[in-house]
Amino acid sequence: MSEYTDAASRFGKKAGTGDDRALFLQEFGGLVIQTYDETMDYMDLRFVKNITEGKADSFPIIGRKRDASEHVPGELILGGSVESNEIVVTLDNMVYDSVFIAEIDKLISHFDVMEPYTHQLGQSLGSLQARRVAIMHILASRQFYVAGSPTGVPQGQPAPAYFYDANMKTSATVLETNAFAGRQYLLENEISGSDPRLMLPHQQYLLLARNFGVDVFKPEAGGGDRRSALVNSPIAGFEVKGTNHIPKTNITTGLTKYQGNFTTTVGHISSKWAVASLERRGMRVVVKDQEERLGTIAIASQFNGHGILRPEASIELATTVRS
């Protein structure tokens, strides 16, 4: 026995138990079926800055100026000021996932697993990053709130918004109503930039599809209306995206900046300006023979960090009032 025995991925086992060679055939018998791919669906919902050194970097924030007035002839124009600030985003710990393949399994197996295994490692890191960015979008909407009320909002900046309804998870009509409320907030507060999206768990996305004619399988389709139930129509002007990465639990472990109670969170309306990502090194996959273990190890790793950039660019949708 070895202390590393349980760390090996014995892909000859059936359902992870029993004979190490149960799934191996005497000769090739078919294709290797991979699990459903999970995409990094938050890739373009963040403002990215790449760095080559250091542990953190700043993102300058230029405030608003809304002091236009009439000029009195002869009056001296002194000028004014625009409030500025900066957001510092720090790198997180390096993240990784790995798999070990015993040489004996490679020698007697009838199919190659290295390519699908390394693909799944990339999927694992992509899923982790998507969850972290999604969490940051929700926390952005909550910034400056103390005991349910906005406090300390910078001069000239609108307080971040959120909308709630007890039926947010179960009613397509409620989702639509709050999507329009989000659109109104963005317009009235002159929050522009990249086009915001309505991000929802797949259950709520399909609820809209069933009720409002958003065709899940034809995202490229042209215009239409709800009654046709055949085309992909935006809701309140927002592109609607289904995702598995919106937090749903009370997260109390891991890095502090990704913790929070998300048990009442349903989704969010956000643009990429809500969250900043600091990229030190992109994803890298290393495959290395380990002679001392008689096998091969594949390691995928990534080094980056995420932080809140413009809180007003994200709107949380929830089932209860913010406490």
C-alpha atoms as a PDB file:
ATOM      1  CA  MET A   1       0.000   0.000   0.000  1.00  0.00           C
ATOM      2  CA  SER A   2       1.050   3.594  -0.546  1.00  0.00           C
ATOM      3  CA  GLU A   3      -0.146   6.874   0.920  1.00  0.00           C
ATOM      4  CA  TYR A   4      -0.717   8.002  -2.677  1.00  0.00           C
ATOM      5  CA  THR A   5      -3.047   5.115  -3.589  1.00  0.00           C
ATOM      6  CA  ASP A   6      -6.260   7.105  -3.098  1.00  0.00           C
ATOM      7  CA  ALA A   7      -4.864  10.049  -5.082  1.00  0.00           C
ATOM      8  CA  ALA A   8      -4.761   8.095  -8.338  1.00  0.00           C
ATOM      9  CA  SER A   9      -7.634   8.228 -10.816  1.00  0.00           C
ATOM     10  CA  ARG A  10      -8.086   4.514 -11.583  1.00  0.00           C
ATOM     11  CA  PHE A  11     -10.226   4.836 -14.675  1.00  0.00           C
ATOM     12  CA  GLY A  12     -10.568   1.067 -14.974  1.00  0.00           C
ATOM     13  CA  LYS A  13     -12.873   1.001 -11.926  1.00  0.00           C
ATOM     14  CA  LYS A  14     -16.611   0.917 -12.472  1.00  0.00           C
ATOM     15  CA  ALA A  15     -18.338   3.789 -10.586  1.00  0.00           C
ATOM     16  CA  GLY A  16     -15.124   4.310  -8.623  1.00  0.00           C
ATOM     17  CA  THR A  17     -15.243   1.036  -6.696  1.00  0.00           C
ATOM     18  CA  GLY A  18     -14.235  -2.594  -7.042  1.00  0.00           C
ATOM     19  CA  ASP A  19     -11.874  -4.099  -9.601  1.00  0.00           C
ATOM     20  CA  ASP A  20      -9.283  -1.637 -10.943  1.00  0.00           C
ATOM     21  CA  ARG A  21      -9.690  -3.207 -14.412  1.00  0.00           C
ATOM     22  CA  ALA A  22     -13.451  -3.690 -14.617  1.00  0.00           C
ATOM     23  CA  LEU A  23     -13.944  -1.250 -17.486  1.00  0.00           C
ATOM     24  CA  PHE A  24     -10.976  -2.413 -19.542  1.00  0.00           C
ATOM     25  CA  LEU A  25     -11.772  -4.610 -22.557  1.00  0.00           C
ATOM     26  CA  GLN A  26      -9.666  -7.213 -24.287  1.00  0.00           C
ATOM     27  CA  GLU A  27      -9.805  -4.987 -27.378  1.00  0.00           C
ATOM     28  CA  PHE A  28     -11.276  -1.599 -28.270  1.00  0.00           C
ATOM     29  CA  GLY A  29     -15.026  -1.605 -27.761  1.00  0.00           C
ATOM     30  CA  GLY A  30     -16.303   1.935 -28.350  1.00  0.00           C
ATOM     31  CA  LEU A  31     -15.933   5.626 -27.575  1.00  0.00           C
ATOM     32  CA  VAL A  32     -15.143   7.329 -24.302  1.00  0.00           C
ATOM     33  CA  ILE A  33     -18.211   9.369 -23.335  1.00  0.00           C
ATOM     34  CA  GLN A  34     -17.401  12.630 -21.569  1.00  0.00           C
ATOM     35  CA  THR A  35     -19.659  14.435 -19.148  1.00  0.00           C
ATOM     36  CA  TYR A  36     -21.572  17.531 -20.202  1.00  0.00           C
ATOM     37  CA  ASP A  37     -19.298  20.524 -20.687  1.00  0.00           C
ATOM     38  CA  GLU A  38     -19.646  23.409 -18.267  1.00  0.00           C
ATOM     39  CA  THR A  39     -18.705  26.737 -19.773  1.00  0.00           C
ATOM     40  CA  MET A  40     -17.068  29.806 -18.259  1.00  0.00           C
ATOM     41  CA  ASP A  41     -20.153  31.938 -18.969  1.00  0.00           C
ATOM     42  CA  TYR A  42     -18.815  34.972 -17.085  1.00  0.00           C
ATOM     43  CA  MET A  43     -15.765  35.455 -19.312  1.00  0.00           C
ATOM     44  CA  ASP A  44     -16.977  38.771 -20.760  1.00  0.00           C
ATOM     45  CA  LEU A  45     -18.877  39.984 -17.672  1.00  0.00           C
ATOM     46  CA  ARG A  46     -15.746  41.440 -16.090  1.00  0.00           C
ATOM     47  CA  PHE A  47     -13.220  44.169 -16.826  1.00  0.00           C
ATOM     48  CA  VAL A  48      -9.827  42.482 -17.203  1.00  0.00           C
ATOM     49  CA  LYS A  49      -6.374  43.925 -16.561  1.00  0.00           C
ATOM     50  CA  ASN A  50      -3.262  41.821 -17.182  1.00  0.00           C
ATOM     51  CA  ILE A  51      -0.139  42.339 -15.072  1.00  0.00           C
ATOM     52  CA  THR A  52       3.368  40.908 -15.266  1.00  0.00           C
ATOM     53  CA  GLU A  53       4.478  41.494 -11.668  1.00  0.00           C
ATOM     54  CA  GLY A  54       3.194  42.472  -8.248  1.00  0.00           C
ATOM     55  CA  LYS A  55       0.389  41.202  -6.036  1.00  0.00           C
ATOM     56  CA  ALA A  56      -2.250  43.883  -6.707  1.00  0.00           C
ATOM     57  CA  ASP A  57      -3.138  46.709  -9.043  1.00  0.00           C
ATOM     58  CA  SER A  58      -5.409  49.739  -8.982  1.00  0.00           C
ATOM     59  CA  PHE A  59      -8.321  50.594 -11.239  1.00  0.00           C
ATOM     60  CA  PRO A  60      -8.982  54.372 -11.379  1.00  0.00           C
ATOM     61  CA  ILE A  61     -12.568  55.497 -10.923  1.00  0.00           C
ATOM     62  CA  ILE A  62     -13.684  58.868 -12.297  1.00  0.00           C
ATOM     63  CA  GLY A  63     -16.720  60.295 -10.541  1.00  0.00           C
ATOM     64  CA  ARG A  64     -19.645  62.237 -11.981  1.00  0.00           C
ATOM     65  CA  LYS A  65     -20.155  65.949 -12.474  1.00  0.00           C
ATOM     66  CA  ARG A  66     -23.674  67.320 -12.855  1.00  0.00           C
ATOM     67  CA  ASP A  67     -23.201  71.047 -12.055  1.00  0.00           C
ATOM     68  CA  ALA A  68     -24.062  72.664 -15.377  1.00  0.00           C
ATOM     69  CA  SER A  69     -25.629  76.119 -14.945  1.00  0.00           C
ATOM     70  CA  GLU A  70     -26.309  79.356 -16.800  1.00  0.00           C
ATOM     71  CA  HIS A  71     -23.559  81.913 -17.173  1.00  0.00           C
ATOM     72  CA  VAL A  72     -24.071  85.532 -16.083  1.00  0.00           C
ATOM     73  CA  PRO A  73     -22.302  87.957 -18.459  1.00  0.00           C
ATOM     74  CA  GLY A  74     -19.036  89.154 -16.964  1.00  0.00           C
ATOM     75  CA  GLU A  75     -18.992  86.513 -14.235  1.00  0.00           C
ATOM     76  CA  LEU A  76     -15.650  84.796 -13.699  1.00  0.00           C
ATOM     77  CA  ILE A  77     -15.710  81.049 -14.378  1.00  0.00           C
ATOM     78  CA  LEU A  78     -13.613  79.394 -11.698  1.00  0.00           C
ATOM     79  CA  GLY A  79     -14.039  75.771 -12.739  1.00  0.00           C
ATOM     80  CA  GLY A  80     -14.987  72.860 -10.523  1.00  0.00           C
ATOM     81  CA  SER A  81     -13.881  69.444  -9.415  1.00  0.00           C
ATOM     82  CA  VAL A  82     -14.676  65.856 -10.230  1.00  0.00           C
ATOM     83  CA  GLU A  83     -14.336  63.322  -7.448  1.00  0.00           C
ATOM     84  CA  SER A  84     -11.911  60.518  -8.265  1.00  0.00           C
ATOM     85  CA  ASN A  85     -11.059  57.294  -6.517  1.00  0.00           C
ATOM     86  CA  GLU A  86      -9.384  53.990  -7.143  1.00  0.00           C
ATOM     87  CA  ILE A  87     -10.237  50.355  -6.608  1.00  0.00           C
ATOM     88  CA  VAL A  88      -7.411  48.023  -5.624  1.00  0.00           C
ATOM     89  CA  VAL A  89      -7.816  44.413  -6.726  1.00  0.00           C
ATOM     90  CA  THR A  90      -5.509  41.797  -5.222  1.00  0.00           C
ATOM     91  CA  LEU A  91      -4.480  38.439  -6.602  1.00  0.00           C
ATOM     92  CA  ASP A  92      -6.026  35.395  -4.977  1.00  0.00           C
ATOM     93  CA  ASN A  93      -4.118  32.243  -4.149  1.00  0.00           C
ATOM     94  CA  MET A  94      -3.157  30.195  -7.180  1.00  0.00           C
ATOM     95  CA  VAL A  95      -5.892  27.698  -8.016  1.00  0.00           C
ATOM     96  CA  TYR A  96      -5.355  24.258  -9.506  1.00  0.00           C
ATOM     97  CA  ASP A  97      -6.887  20.886 -10.234  1.00  0.00           C
ATOM     98  CA  SER A  98      -5.054  17.681 -11.067  1.00  0.00           C
ATOM     99  CA  VAL A  99      -5.390  14.034 -11.992  1.00  0.00           C
ATOM    100  CA  PHE A 100      -2.960  11.107 -11.695  1.00  0.00           C
ATOM    101  CA  ILE A 101      -2.987   8.210 -14.152  1.00  0.00           C
ATOM    102  CA  ALA A 102      -1.225   5.008 -13.212  1.00  0.00           C
ATOM    103  CA  GLU A 103       1.104   3.618 -15.908  1.00  0.00           C
ATOM    104  CA  ILE A 104      -0.345   0.117 -15.543  1.00  0.00           C
ATOM    105  CA  ASP A 105      -3.793   1.444 -16.466  1.00  0.00           C
ATOM    106  CA  LYS A 106      -2.417   3.202 -19.543  1.00  0.00           C
ATOM    107  CA  LEU A 107      -0.653   0.022 -20.652  1.00  0.00           C
ATOM    108  CA  ILE A 108      -3.715  -2.209 -20.580  1.00  0.00           C
ATOM    109  CA  SER A 109      -6.473   0.263 -21.407  1.00  0.00           C
ATOM    110  CA  HIS A 110      -8.127   0.309 -24.840  1.00  0.00           C
ATOM    111  CA  PHE A 111      -8.755   4.057 -24.995  1.00  0.00           C
ATOM    112  CA  ASP A 112      -6.869   7.278 -24.307  1.00  0.00           C
ATOM    113  CA  VAL A 113      -8.024   9.413 -21.396  1.00  0.00           C
ATOM    114  CA  MET A 114      -5.356  12.115 -21.251  1.00  0.00           C
ATOM    115  CA  GLU A 115      -7.082  14.504 -23.623  1.00  0.00           C
ATOM    116  CA  PRO A 116     -10.546  14.291 -21.987  1.00  0.00           C
ATOM    117  CA  TYR A 117      -8.969  14.384 -18.526  1.00  0.00           C
ATOM    118  CA  THR A 118      -7.025  17.593 -19.243  1.00  0.00           C
ATOM    119  CA  HIS A 119     -10.161  19.047 -20.832  1.00  0.00           C
ATOM    120  CA  GLN A 120     -12.057  18.403 -17.611  1.00  0.00           C
ATOM    121  CA  LEU A 121      -9.298  20.061 -15.573  1.00  0.00           C
ATOM    122  CA  GLY A 122      -9.767  23.197 -17.656  1.00  0.00           C
ATOM    123  CA  GLN A 123     -13.522  22.945 -17.159  1.00  0.00           C
ATOM    124  CA  SER A 124     -12.988  22.656 -13.402  1.00  0.00           C
ATOM    125  CA  LEU A 125     -10.946  25.869 -13.203  1.00  0.00           C
ATOM    126  CA  GLY A 126     -13.321  27.676 -15.558  1.00  0.00           C
ATOM    127  CA  SER A 127     -16.258  26.757 -13.353  1.00  0.00           C
ATOM    128  CA  LEU A 128     -14.426  27.984 -10.242  1.00  0.00           C
ATOM    129  CA  GLN A 129     -13.617  31.331 -11.872  1.00  0.00           C
ATOM    130  CA  ALA A 130     -17.191  31.761 -13.118  1.00  0.00           C
ATOM    131  CA  ARG A 131     -18.562  31.176  -9.610  1.00  0.00           C
ATOM    132  CA  ARG A 132     -16.166  33.735  -8.161  1.00  0.00           C
ATOM    133  CA  VAL A 133     -17.059  36.389 -10.739  1.00  0.00           C
ATOM    134  CA  ALA A 134     -20.776  35.705 -10.191  1.00  0.00           C
ATOM    135  CA  ILE A 135     -20.303  36.159  -6.439  1.00  0.00           C
ATOM    136  CA  MET A 136     -18.545  39.476  -7.053  1.00  0.00           C
ATOM    137  CA  HIS A 137     -21.476  40.705  -9.146  1.00  0.00           C
ATOM    138  CA  ILE A 138     -23.878  39.972  -6.282  1.00  0.00           C
ATOM    139  CA  LEU A 139     -21.583  41.548  -3.684  1.00  0.00           C
ATOM    140  CA  ALA A 140     -21.187  44.621  -5.906  1.00  0.00           C
ATOM    141  CA  SER A 141     -24.933  45.210  -5.662  1.00  0.00           C
ATOM    142  CA  ARG A 142     -24.666  44.948  -1.870  1.00  0.00           C
ATOM    143  CA  GLN A 143     -21.748  47.359  -1.447  1.00  0.00           C
ATOM    144  CA  PHE A 144     -22.362  50.437   0.719  1.00  0.00           C
ATOM    145  CA  TYR A 145     -25.384  48.781   2.378  1.00  0.00           C
ATOM    146  CA  VAL A 146     -25.511  48.681   6.179  1.00  0.00           C
ATOM    147  CA  ALA A 147     -28.591  47.199   7.876  1.00  0.00           C
ATOM    148  CA  GLY A 148     -30.454  47.335   4.575  1.00  0.00           C
ATOM    149  CA  SER A 149     -29.767  51.021   3.843  1.00  0.00           C
ATOM    150  CA  PRO A 150     -27.099  52.555   1.566  1.00  0.00           C
ATOM    151  CA  THR A 151     -24.343  54.261   3.557  1.00  0.00           C
ATOM    152  CA  GLY A 152     -21.194  56.063   2.432  1.00  0.00           C
ATOM    153  CA  VAL A 153     -21.987  56.146  -1.282  1.00  0.00           C
ATOM    154  CA  PRO A 154     -19.364  58.312  -3.057  1.00  0.00           C
ATOM    155  CA  GLN A 155     -20.442  61.790  -4.106  1.00  0.00           C
ATOM    156  CA  GLY A 156     -22.409  61.843  -7.345  1.00  0.00           C
ATOM    157  CA  GLN A 157     -22.591  58.057  -7.583  1.00  0.00           C
ATOM    158  CA  PRO A 158     -25.987  56.328  -7.399  1.00  0.00           C
ATOM    159  CA  ALA A 159     -26.512  53.792  -4.652  1.00  0.00           C
ATOM    160  CA  PRO A 160     -26.327  50.220  -5.931  1.00  0.00           C
ATOM    161  CA  ALA A 161     -29.754  48.746  -6.578  1.00  0.00           C
ATOM    162  CA  TYR A 162     -31.501  45.478  -5.819  1.00  0.00           C
ATOM    163  CA  PHE A 163     -35.048  44.240  -6.307  1.00  0.00           C
ATOM    164  CA  TYR A 164     -36.889  41.581  -4.362  1.00  0.00           C
ATOM    165  CA  ASP A 165     -40.126  39.632  -4.446  1.00  0.00           C
ATOM    166  CA  ALA A 166     -41.168  36.466  -2.646  1.00  0.00           C
ATOM    167  CA  ASN A 167     -42.150  34.953  -5.998  1.00  0.00           C
ATOM    168  CA  MET A 168     -38.958  35.880  -7.860  1.00  0.00           C
ATOM    169  CA  LYS A 169     -38.012  32.208  -8.319  1.00  0.00           C
ATOM    170  CA  THR A 170     -41.410  30.930  -9.415  1.00  0.00           C
ATOM    171  CA  SER A 171     -43.141  33.667 -11.426  1.00  0.00           C
ATOM    172  CA  ALA A 172     -42.119  34.688 -14.939  1.00  0.00           C
ATOM    173  CA  THR A 173     -44.257  37.791 -14.556  1.00  0.00           C
ATOM    174  CA  VAL A 174     -42.373  38.847 -11.421  1.00  0.00           C
ATOM    175  CA  LEU A 175     -39.046  38.270 -13.165  1.00  0.00           C
ATOM    176  CA  GLU A 176     -40.181  40.413 -16.085  1.00  0.00           C
ATOM    177  CA  THR A 177     -41.483  43.168 -13.790  1.00  0.00           C
ATOM    178  CA  ASN A 178     -38.172  43.387 -11.963  1.00  0.00           C
ATOM    179  CA  ALA A 179     -36.197  43.265 -15.192  1.00  0.00           C
ATOM    180  CA  PHE A 180     -38.082  46.399 -16.264  1.00  0.00           C
ATOM    181  CA  ALA A 181     -37.420  47.925 -12.838  1.00  0.00           C
ATOM    182  CA  GLY A 182     -33.716  47.249 -13.408  1.00  0.00           C
ATOM    183  CA  ARG A 183     -33.850  48.853 -16.846  1.00  0.00           C
ATOM    184  CA  GLN A 184     -35.558  51.916 -15.349  1.00  0.00           C
ATOM    185  CA  TYR A 185     -32.871  52.196 -12.658  1.00  0.00           C
ATOM    186  CA  LEU A 186     -30.083  52.081 -15.247  1.00  0.00           C
ATOM    187  CA  LEU A 187     -31.757  54.691 -17.442  1.00  0.00           C
ATOM    188  CA  GLU A 188     -32.709  57.109 -14.668  1.00  0.00           C
ATOM    189  CA  ASN A 189     -29.227  56.941 -13.156  1.00  0.00           C
ATOM    190  CA  GLU A 190     -27.497  57.251 -16.532  1.00  0.00           C
ATOM    191  CA  ILE A 191     -25.487  54.082 -16.081  1.00  0.00           C
ATOM    192  CA  SER A 192     -24.021  53.279 -19.474  1.00  0.00           C
ATOM    193  CA  GLY A 193     -21.145  51.223 -20.799  1.00  0.00           C
ATOM    194  CA  SER A 194     -21.259  47.689 -22.154  1.00  0.00           C
ATOM    195  CA  ASP A 195     -24.690  46.087 -22.513  1.00  0.00           C
ATOM    196  CA  PRO A 196     -25.876  44.566 -19.245  1.00  0.00           C
ATOM    197  CA  ARG A 197     -27.254  41.030 -19.082  1.00  0.00           C
ATOM    198  CA  LEU A 198     -29.947  39.322 -17.059  1.00  0.00           C
ATOM    199  CA  MET A 199     -28.180  36.318 -15.509  1.00  0.00           C
ATOM    200  CA  LEU A 200     -30.431  33.605 -14.086  1.00  0.00           C
ATOM    201  CA  PRO A 201     -30.176  29.979 -12.956  1.00  0.00           C
ATOM    202  CA  HIS A 202     -31.367  27.606 -15.655  1.00  0.00           C
ATOM    203  CA  GLN A 203     -34.635  26.949 -13.794  1.00  0.00           C
ATOM    204  CA  GLN A 204     -35.660  30.605 -13.973  1.00  0.00           C
ATOM    205  CA  TYR A 205     -34.300  30.974 -17.516  1.00  0.00           C
ATOM    206  CA  LEU A 206     -36.494  28.097 -18.690  1.00  0.00           C
ATOM    207  CA  LEU A 207     -39.415  29.612 -16.779  1.00  0.00           C
ATOM    208  CA  LEU A 208     -39.092  32.694 -18.980  1.00  0.00           C
ATOM    209  CA  ALA A 209     -38.648  30.523 -22.071  1.00  0.00           C
ATOM    210  CA  ARG A 210     -41.853  28.640 -21.325  1.00  0.00           C
ATOM    211  CA  ASN A 211     -43.890  31.755 -20.662  1.00  0.00           C
ATOM    212  CA  PHE A 212     -42.409  34.469 -22.863  1.00  0.00           C
ATOM    213  CA  GLY A 213     -41.396  32.676 -26.036  1.00  0.00           C
ATOM    214  CA  VAL A 214     -37.663  32.880 -25.509  1.00  0.00           C
ATOM    215  CA  ASP A 215     -36.414  29.971 -27.606  1.00  0.00           C
ATOM    216  CA  VAL A 216     -33.534  28.326 -25.718  1.00  0.00           C
ATOM    217  CA  PHE A 217     -32.341  26.496 -28.811  1.00  0.00           C
ATOM    218  CA  LYS A 218     -32.425  29.422 -31.273  1.00  0.00           C
ATOM    219  CA  PRO A 219     -30.462  32.273 -29.674  1.00  0.00           C
ATOM    220  CA  GLU A 220     -29.628  33.582 -33.140  1.00  0.00           C
ATOM    221  CA  ALA A 221     -33.280  33.904 -34.183  1.00  0.00           C
ATOM    222  CA  GLY A 222     -34.723  37.258 -35.202  1.00  0.00           C
ATOM    223  CA  GLY A 223     -37.457  39.361 -33.654  1.00  0.00           C
ATOM    224  CA  GLY A 224     -40.848  38.165 -32.497  1.00  0.00           C
ATOM    225  CA  ASP A 225     -43.224  38.439 -29.573  1.00  0.00           C
ATOM    226  CA  ARG A 226     -44.183  36.412 -26.542  1.00  0.00           C
ATOM    227  CA  ARG A 227     -47.220  34.838 -28.173  1.00  0.00           C
ATOM    228  CA  SER A 228     -45.229  33.115 -30.897  1.00  0.00           C
ATOM    229  CA  ALA A 229     -43.038  31.214 -28.375  1.00  0.00           C
ATOM    230  CA  LEU A 230     -40.604  30.594 -31.224  1.00  0.00           C
ATOM    231  CA  VAL A 231     -37.936  33.286 -31.088  1.00  0.00           C
ATOM    232  CA  ASN A 232     -35.440  34.616 -28.620  1.00  0.00           C
ATOM    233  CA  SER A 233     -36.796  37.968 -27.438  1.00  0.00           C
ATOM    234  CA  PRO A 234     -34.847  40.070 -24.905  1.00  0.00           C
ATOM    235  CA  ILE A 235     -36.601  40.779 -21.607  1.00  0.00           C
ATOM    236  CA  ALA A 236     -36.736  44.529 -20.895  1.00  0.00           C
ATOM    237  CA  GLY A 237     -33.957  44.908 -23.447  1.00  0.00           C
ATOM    238  CA  PHE A 238     -31.628  42.546 -21.567  1.00  0.00           C
ATOM    239  CA  GLU A 239     -30.065  39.480 -23.109  1.00  0.00           C
ATOM    240  CA  VAL A 240     -31.060  36.598 -20.843  1.00  0.00           C
ATOM    241  CA  LYS A 241     -28.426  33.992 -19.983  1.00  0.00           C
ATOM    242  CA  GLY A 242     -28.847  30.786 -18.017  1.00  0.00           C
ATOM    243  CA  THR A 243     -25.995  29.713 -15.766  1.00  0.00           C
ATOM    244  CA  ASN A 244     -25.042  27.195 -13.079  1.00  0.00           C
ATOM    245  CA  HIS A 245     -22.727  29.636 -11.327  1.00  0.00           C
ATOM    246  CA  ILE A 246     -24.971  32.009  -9.367  1.00  0.00           C
ATOM    247  CA  PRO A 247     -24.411  31.347  -5.630  1.00  0.00           C
ATOM    248  CA  LYS A 248     -27.361  29.869  -3.719  1.00  0.00           C
ATOM    249  CA  THR A 249     -25.971  29.052  -0.267  1.00  0.00           C
ATOM    250  CA  ASN A 250     -24.495  30.739   2.788  1.00  0.00           C
ATOM    251  CA  ILE A 251     -20.768  30.660   1.992  1.00  0.00           C
ATOM    252  CA  THR A 252     -18.666  30.870   5.152  1.00  0.00           C
ATOM    253  CA  THR A 253     -15.430  29.178   4.073  1.00  0.00           C
ATOM    254  CA  GLY A 254     -12.641  29.980   1.645  1.00  0.00           C
ATOM    255  CA  LEU A 255     -11.319  33.446   0.866  1.00  0.00           C
ATOM    256  CA  THR A 256     -13.189  36.093   2.855  1.00  0.00           C
ATOM    257  CA  LYS A 257     -13.948  38.267  -0.157  1.00  0.00           C
ATOM    258  CA  TYR A 258     -16.043  35.484  -1.725  1.00  0.00           C
ATOM    259  CA  GLN A 259     -18.093  34.790   1.391  1.00  0.00           C
ATOM    260  CA  GLY A 260     -21.696  35.854   1.920  1.00  0.00           C
ATOM    261  CA  ASN A 261     -25.229  34.636   2.473  1.00  0.00           C
ATOM    262  CA  PHE A 262     -26.787  33.999  -0.934  1.00  0.00           C
ATOM    263  CA  THR A 263     -29.726  31.833   0.144  1.00  0.00           C
ATOM    264  CA  THR A 264     -32.248  34.400  -1.125  1.00  0.00           C
ATOM    265  CA  THR A 265     -30.358  35.324  -4.308  1.00  0.00           C
ATOM    266  CA  VAL A 266     -32.121  34.479  -7.571  1.00  0.00           C
ATOM    267  CA  GLY A 267     -30.032  36.264 -10.218  1.00  0.00           C
ATOM    268  CA  HIS A 268     -28.638  39.621 -11.235  1.00  0.00           C
ATOM    269  CA  ILE A 269     -28.596  42.280 -13.934  1.00  0.00           C
ATOM    270  CA  SER A 270     -25.017  43.347 -14.616  1.00  0.00           C
ATOM    271  CA  SER A 271     -22.533  44.765 -17.063  1.00  0.00           C
ATOM    272  CA  LYS A 272     -18.832  43.978 -17.139  1.00  0.00           C
ATOM    273  CA  TRP A 273     -18.048  47.260 -15.338  1.00  0.00           C
ATOM    274  CA  ALA A 274     -19.313  45.830 -12.047  1.00  0.00           C
ATOM    275  CA  VAL A 275     -16.360  43.463 -11.585  1.00  0.00           C
ATOM    276  CA  ALA A 276     -12.627  43.794 -12.210  1.00  0.00           C
ATOM    277  CA  SER A 277     -10.341  40.825 -12.822  1.00  0.00           C
ATOM    278  CA  LEU A 278      -6.587  40.964 -12.342  1.00  0.00           C
ATOM    279  CA  GLU A 279      -4.842  38.332 -14.473  1.00  0.00           C
ATOM    280  CA  ARG A 280      -1.269  37.417 -13.539  1.00  0.00           C
ATOM    281  CA  ARG A 281      -1.092  34.130 -15.412  1.00  0.00           C
ATOM    282  CA  GLY A 282      -3.720  32.458 -17.514  1.00  0.00           C
ATOM    283  CA  MET A 283      -4.646  28.812 -17.369  1.00  0.00           C
ATOM    284  CA  ARG A 284      -1.776  26.391 -17.915  1.00  0.00           C
ATOM    285  CA  VAL A 285      -1.909  22.602 -18.116  1.00  0.00           C
ATOM    286  CA  VAL A 286       1.250  20.591 -17.404  1.00  0.00           C
ATOM    287  CA  VAL A 287       1.474  16.841 -18.064  1.00  0.00           C
ATOM    288  CA  LYS A 288       4.464  15.187 -16.419  1.00  0.00           C
ATOM    289  CA  ASP A 289       5.623  11.614 -15.997  1.00  0.00           C
ATOM    290  CA  GLN A 290       6.245  10.661 -12.378  1.00  0.00           C
ATOM    291  CA  GLU A 291       8.577   7.692 -12.483  1.00  0.00           C
ATOM    292  CA  GLU A 292       8.668   7.432  -8.697  1.00  0.00           C
ATOM    293  CA  ARG A 293       4.911   6.793  -8.754  1.00  0.00           C
ATOM    294  CA  LEU A 294       4.865   4.813 -12.005  1.00  0.00           C
ATOM    295  CA  GLY A 295       2.391   7.099 -13.654  1.00  0.00           C
ATOM    296  CA  THR A 296       1.594  10.476 -15.147  1.00  0.00           C
ATOM    297  CA  ILE A 297       0.194  13.566 -13.439  1.00  0.00           C
ATOM    298  CA  ALA A 298      -1.682  16.371 -15.177  1.00  0.00           C
ATOM    299  CA  ILE A 299      -1.989  19.706 -13.367  1.00  0.00           C
ATOM    300  CA  ALA A 300      -4.048  22.705 -14.495  1.00  0.00           C
ATOM    301  CA  SER A 301      -3.391  26.001 -12.696  1.00  0.00           C
ATOM    302  CA  GLN A 302      -4.282  29.675 -12.882  1.00  0.00           C
ATOM    303  CA  PHE A 303      -3.302  32.851 -11.022  1.00  0.00           C
ATOM    304  CA  ASN A 304      -5.711  35.788 -10.875  1.00  0.00           C
ATOM    305  CA  GLY A 305      -8.047  37.714  -8.593  1.00  0.00           C
ATOM    306  CA  HIS A 306     -11.403  39.491  -8.757  1.00  0.00           C
ATOM    307  CA  GLY A 307     -12.877  42.544  -7.070  1.00  0.00           C
ATOM    308  CA  ILE A 308     -15.769  45.006  -7.172  1.00  0.00           C
ATOM    309  CA  LEU A 309     -15.255  47.825  -9.693  1.00  0.00           C
ATOM    310  CA  ARG A 310     -18.499  49.814 -10.217  1.00  0.00           C
ATOM    311  CA  PRO A 311     -21.176  48.678  -7.735  1.00  0.00           C
ATOM    312  CA  GLU A 312     -23.965  50.586  -9.501  1.00  0.00           C
ATOM    313  CA  ALA A 313     -23.425  48.406 -12.597  1.00  0.00           C
ATOM    314  CA  SER A 314     -24.900  45.325 -10.893  1.00  0.00           C
ATOM    315  CA  ILE A 315     -28.444  44.733  -9.613  1.00  0.00           C
ATOM    316  CA  GLU A 316     -29.250  41.730  -7.428  1.00  0.00           C
ATOM    317  CA  LEU A 317     -32.596  39.963  -7.811  1.00  0.00           C
ATOM    318  CA  ALA A 318     -33.702  38.213  -4.612  1.00  0.00           C
ATOM    319  CA  THR A 319     -36.706  36.771  -2.804  1.00  0.00           C
ATOM    320  CA  THR A 320     -36.455  38.899   0.362  1.00  0.00           C
ATOM    321  CA  VAL A 321     -35.659  42.466   1.361  1.00  0.00           C
ATOM    322  CA  ARG A 322     -32.005  43.192   2.074  1.00  0.00           C
ATOM    323  CA  SER A 323     -31.191  43.038   5.774  1.00  0.00           C
END
